Amino acid sequence: MKKIFAILILVLFMNLAIVSAIDSKNTLPDLTIKSIKATKQGINAKIDIKVTNEGEQTINGFWYFINYGDNTGEFVYYSGTLAPRQTSTITLTHSYTNTALYGSLVNLDPLNLIQESKENNNIKEFILTKTRF
């Protein structure tokens, strides 16, 4: 009887640990790129990156990397706060010198400094055509 009771207690604690791990996974933040839009701004490109926190925890600032596709890129710190399900637009301006198609990329939290519920939705590629600028 004591062995059965001990086994039941062990199974109960194992189930609680699993549920706790699942719950903690669901309460993490989740940075997501919703869209990227490039428009003409004078002779430059204005790039709007719409970012959403689809998780359940507030994010207080994060790093992101943008590769402009013309052998330039930069790490930038977003110092704002993103509450759960809040969206913010990051606006950048970049000057492209040649008429061409540019394969560009944005990577949120590239160093994985923020533990997120999903890590596979932080990168988005986009094509920018210089002829429009």
C-alpha atoms as a PDB file:
ATOM      1  CA  MET A   1       0.000   0.000   0.000  1.00  0.00           C
ATOM      2  CA  LYS A   2       2.847   2.408   0.833  1.00  0.00           C
ATOM      3  CA  LYS A   3       4.486   1.669  -2.540  1.00  0.00           C
ATOM      4  CA  ILE A   4       1.257   2.410  -4.406  1.00  0.00           C
ATOM      5  CA  PHE A   5       0.796   5.641  -2.433  1.00  0.00           C
ATOM      6  CA  ALA A   6       4.419   6.661  -3.149  1.00  0.00           C
ATOM      7  CA  ILE A   7       3.958   5.914  -6.861  1.00  0.00           C
ATOM      8  CA  LEU A   8       0.736   7.940  -6.974  1.00  0.00           C
ATOM      9  CA  ILE A   9       2.455  10.872  -5.275  1.00  0.00           C
ATOM     10  CA  LEU A  10       5.369  10.614  -7.733  1.00  0.00           C
ATOM     11  CA  VAL A  11       3.023  10.524 -10.729  1.00  0.00           C
ATOM     12  CA  LEU A  12       1.093  13.499  -9.348  1.00  0.00           C
ATOM     13  CA  PHE A  13       4.279  15.575  -8.951  1.00  0.00           C
ATOM     14  CA  MET A  14       5.483  14.588 -12.425  1.00  0.00           C
ATOM     15  CA  ASN A  15       2.151  15.714 -13.915  1.00  0.00           C
ATOM     16  CA  LEU A  16       2.309  18.997 -12.000  1.00  0.00           C
ATOM     17  CA  ALA A  17       5.841  19.599 -13.299  1.00  0.00           C
ATOM     18  CA  ILE A  18       4.723  18.963 -16.881  1.00  0.00           C
ATOM     19  CA  VAL A  19       1.701  21.261 -16.543  1.00  0.00           C
ATOM     20  CA  SER A  20       3.893  23.913 -14.946  1.00  0.00           C
ATOM     21  CA  ALA A  21       6.410  23.682 -17.798  1.00  0.00           C
ATOM     22  CA  ILE A  22       3.618  23.980 -20.367  1.00  0.00           C
ATOM     23  CA  ASP A  23       2.063  26.944 -18.555  1.00  0.00           C
ATOM     24  CA  SER A  24       5.392  28.756 -18.272  1.00  0.00           C
ATOM     25  CA  LYS A  25       5.996  28.205 -21.994  1.00  0.00           C
ATOM     26  CA  ASN A  26       2.655  29.867 -22.769  1.00  0.00           C
ATOM     27  CA  THR A  27       3.383  32.904 -20.607  1.00  0.00           C
ATOM     28  CA  LEU A  28       6.518  33.935 -22.465  1.00  0.00           C
ATOM     29  CA  PRO A  29       6.688  36.894 -24.855  1.00  0.00           C
ATOM     30  CA  ASP A  30       6.754  36.265 -28.612  1.00  0.00           C
ATOM     31  CA  LEU A  31       8.251  38.818 -31.017  1.00  0.00           C
ATOM     32  CA  THR A  32       6.781  38.502 -34.506  1.00  0.00           C
ATOM     33  CA  ILE A  33       7.299  40.473 -37.713  1.00  0.00           C
ATOM     34  CA  LYS A  34       3.828  41.175 -39.094  1.00  0.00           C
ATOM     35  CA  SER A  35       4.876  43.091 -42.200  1.00  0.00           C
ATOM     36  CA  ILE A  36       7.636  45.049 -43.893  1.00  0.00           C
ATOM     37  CA  LYS A  37       6.822  47.877 -46.281  1.00  0.00           C
ATOM     38  CA  ALA A  38       9.285  49.965 -48.270  1.00  0.00           C
ATOM     39  CA  THR A  39       8.226  53.266 -49.835  1.00  0.00           C
ATOM     40  CA  LYS A  40       9.941  56.160 -51.558  1.00  0.00           C
ATOM     41  CA  GLN A  41      11.015  59.041 -49.344  1.00  0.00           C
ATOM     42  CA  GLY A  42      12.827  61.546 -51.531  1.00  0.00           C
ATOM     43  CA  ILE A  43      15.861  59.711 -52.919  1.00  0.00           C
ATOM     44  CA  ASN A  44      15.821  57.253 -50.029  1.00  0.00           C
ATOM     45  CA  ALA A  45      13.813  54.203 -49.059  1.00  0.00           C
ATOM     46  CA  LYS A  46      11.598  54.406 -45.991  1.00  0.00           C
ATOM     47  CA  ILE A  47      11.252  50.946 -44.442  1.00  0.00           C
ATOM     48  CA  ASP A  48       8.390  50.298 -41.991  1.00  0.00           C
ATOM     49  CA  ILE A  49       8.674  47.109 -39.936  1.00  0.00           C
ATOM     50  CA  LYS A  50       5.485  46.180 -38.078  1.00  0.00           C
ATOM     51  CA  VAL A  51       6.378  44.147 -34.964  1.00  0.00           C
ATOM     52  CA  THR A  52       3.919  42.455 -32.590  1.00  0.00           C
ATOM     53  CA  ASN A  53       4.350  40.785 -29.208  1.00  0.00           C
ATOM     54  CA  GLU A  54       2.032  37.796 -29.599  1.00  0.00           C
ATOM     55  CA  GLY A  55       3.051  36.402 -26.218  1.00  0.00           C
ATOM     56  CA  GLU A  56       1.708  36.842 -22.727  1.00  0.00           C
ATOM     57  CA  GLN A  57       4.585  38.801 -21.177  1.00  0.00           C
ATOM     58  CA  THR A  58       5.728  42.395 -21.748  1.00  0.00           C
ATOM     59  CA  ILE A  59       8.984  42.993 -23.627  1.00  0.00           C
ATOM     60  CA  ASN A  60      11.060  45.954 -22.467  1.00  0.00           C
ATOM     61  CA  GLY A  61      13.318  46.685 -25.414  1.00  0.00           C
ATOM     62  CA  PHE A  62      15.063  44.334 -27.832  1.00  0.00           C
ATOM     63  CA  TRP A  63      17.824  44.224 -30.419  1.00  0.00           C
ATOM     64  CA  TYR A  64      17.147  43.630 -34.080  1.00  0.00           C
ATOM     65  CA  PHE A  65      19.307  43.340 -37.176  1.00  0.00           C
ATOM     66  CA  ILE A  66      18.510  44.575 -40.665  1.00  0.00           C
ATOM     67  CA  ASN A  67      20.440  43.508 -43.733  1.00  0.00           C
ATOM     68  CA  TYR A  68      19.643  46.087 -46.398  1.00  0.00           C
ATOM     69  CA  GLY A  69      20.773  43.774 -49.206  1.00  0.00           C
ATOM     70  CA  ASP A  70      23.448  46.116 -50.529  1.00  0.00           C
ATOM     71  CA  ASN A  71      26.305  44.737 -48.400  1.00  0.00           C
ATOM     72  CA  THR A  72      25.260  46.962 -45.503  1.00  0.00           C
ATOM     73  CA  GLY A  73      23.341  46.233 -42.359  1.00  0.00           C
ATOM     74  CA  GLU A  74      23.073  47.295 -38.759  1.00  0.00           C
ATOM     75  CA  PHE A  75      22.166  46.143 -35.270  1.00  0.00           C
ATOM     76  CA  VAL A  76      19.617  48.491 -33.727  1.00  0.00           C
ATOM     77  CA  TYR A  77      18.151  48.618 -30.221  1.00  0.00           C
ATOM     78  CA  TYR A  78      14.403  49.201 -29.944  1.00  0.00           C
ATOM     79  CA  SER A  79      13.998  50.879 -26.553  1.00  0.00           C
ATOM     80  CA  GLY A  80      10.207  50.822 -26.436  1.00  0.00           C
ATOM     81  CA  THR A  81       7.914  48.504 -24.516  1.00  0.00           C
ATOM     82  CA  LEU A  82       5.660  45.941 -26.181  1.00  0.00           C
ATOM     83  CA  ALA A  83       2.839  44.699 -23.984  1.00  0.00           C
ATOM     84  CA  PRO A  84       1.130  41.388 -24.814  1.00  0.00           C
ATOM     85  CA  ARG A  85      -0.595  41.573 -28.230  1.00  0.00           C
ATOM     86  CA  GLN A  86       0.687  45.129 -28.775  1.00  0.00           C
ATOM     87  CA  THR A  87       2.013  46.171 -32.197  1.00  0.00           C
ATOM     88  CA  SER A  88       4.587  48.852 -32.952  1.00  0.00           C
ATOM     89  CA  THR A  89       6.049  50.117 -36.216  1.00  0.00           C
ATOM     90  CA  ILE A  90       9.795  50.634 -36.521  1.00  0.00           C
ATOM     91  CA  THR A  91      10.718  53.096 -39.279  1.00  0.00           C
ATOM     92  CA  LEU A  92      14.143  53.202 -40.890  1.00  0.00           C
ATOM     93  CA  THR A  93      15.531  55.216 -43.796  1.00  0.00           C
ATOM     94  CA  HIS A  94      18.231  53.864 -46.081  1.00  0.00           C
ATOM     95  CA  SER A  95      19.919  55.257 -49.181  1.00  0.00           C
ATOM     96  CA  TYR A  96      20.432  52.799 -52.040  1.00  0.00           C
ATOM     97  CA  THR A  97      22.974  53.946 -54.618  1.00  0.00           C
ATOM     98  CA  ASN A  98      22.349  51.562 -57.534  1.00  0.00           C
ATOM     99  CA  THR A  99      19.207  50.644 -59.446  1.00  0.00           C
ATOM    100  CA  ALA A 100      18.693  46.955 -58.606  1.00  0.00           C
ATOM    101  CA  LEU A 101      16.671  44.353 -56.747  1.00  0.00           C
ATOM    102  CA  TYR A 102      17.820  44.024 -53.158  1.00  0.00           C
ATOM    103  CA  GLY A 103      17.148  40.884 -51.119  1.00  0.00           C
ATOM    104  CA  SER A 104      16.850  42.253 -47.595  1.00  0.00           C
ATOM    105  CA  LEU A 105      16.228  40.670 -44.204  1.00  0.00           C
ATOM    106  CA  VAL A 106      15.074  41.670 -40.712  1.00  0.00           C
ATOM    107  CA  ASN A 107      15.903  39.538 -37.660  1.00  0.00           C
ATOM    108  CA  LEU A 108      14.316  40.335 -34.287  1.00  0.00           C
ATOM    109  CA  ASP A 109      16.328  39.332 -31.207  1.00  0.00           C
ATOM    110  CA  PRO A 110      19.154  37.855 -33.336  1.00  0.00           C
ATOM    111  CA  LEU A 111      21.233  36.934 -30.270  1.00  0.00           C
ATOM    112  CA  ASN A 112      18.255  35.203 -28.573  1.00  0.00           C
ATOM    113  CA  LEU A 113      18.513  37.399 -25.484  1.00  0.00           C
ATOM    114  CA  ILE A 114      14.733  37.137 -24.964  1.00  0.00           C
ATOM    115  CA  GLN A 115      13.282  33.734 -24.156  1.00  0.00           C
ATOM    116  CA  GLU A 116      10.181  33.454 -26.348  1.00  0.00           C
ATOM    117  CA  SER A 117       7.340  31.002 -26.754  1.00  0.00           C
ATOM    118  CA  LYS A 118       8.252  30.737 -30.474  1.00  0.00           C
ATOM    119  CA  GLU A 119      11.733  31.379 -31.790  1.00  0.00           C
ATOM    120  CA  ASN A 120      10.987  30.527 -35.426  1.00  0.00           C
ATOM    121  CA  ASN A 121       9.061  33.703 -36.360  1.00  0.00           C
ATOM    122  CA  ASN A 122      11.733  36.347 -35.792  1.00  0.00           C
ATOM    123  CA  ILE A 123      13.127  36.515 -39.335  1.00  0.00           C
ATOM    124  CA  LYS A 124      11.482  37.933 -42.430  1.00  0.00           C
ATOM    125  CA  GLU A 125      12.966  38.527 -45.861  1.00  0.00           C
ATOM    126  CA  PHE A 126      11.784  41.143 -48.323  1.00  0.00           C
ATOM    127  CA  ILE A 127      12.691  42.314 -51.811  1.00  0.00           C
ATOM    128  CA  LEU A 128      13.263  45.982 -52.451  1.00  0.00           C
ATOM    129  CA  THR A 129      13.406  47.370 -55.983  1.00  0.00           C
ATOM    130  CA  LYS A 130      15.538  50.505 -56.364  1.00  0.00           C
ATOM    131  CA  THR A 131      13.802  51.551 -59.583  1.00  0.00           C
ATOM    132  CA  ARG A 132      10.869  52.784 -57.491  1.00  0.00           C
ATOM    133  CA  PHE A 133      13.073  55.228 -55.638  1.00  0.00           C
END
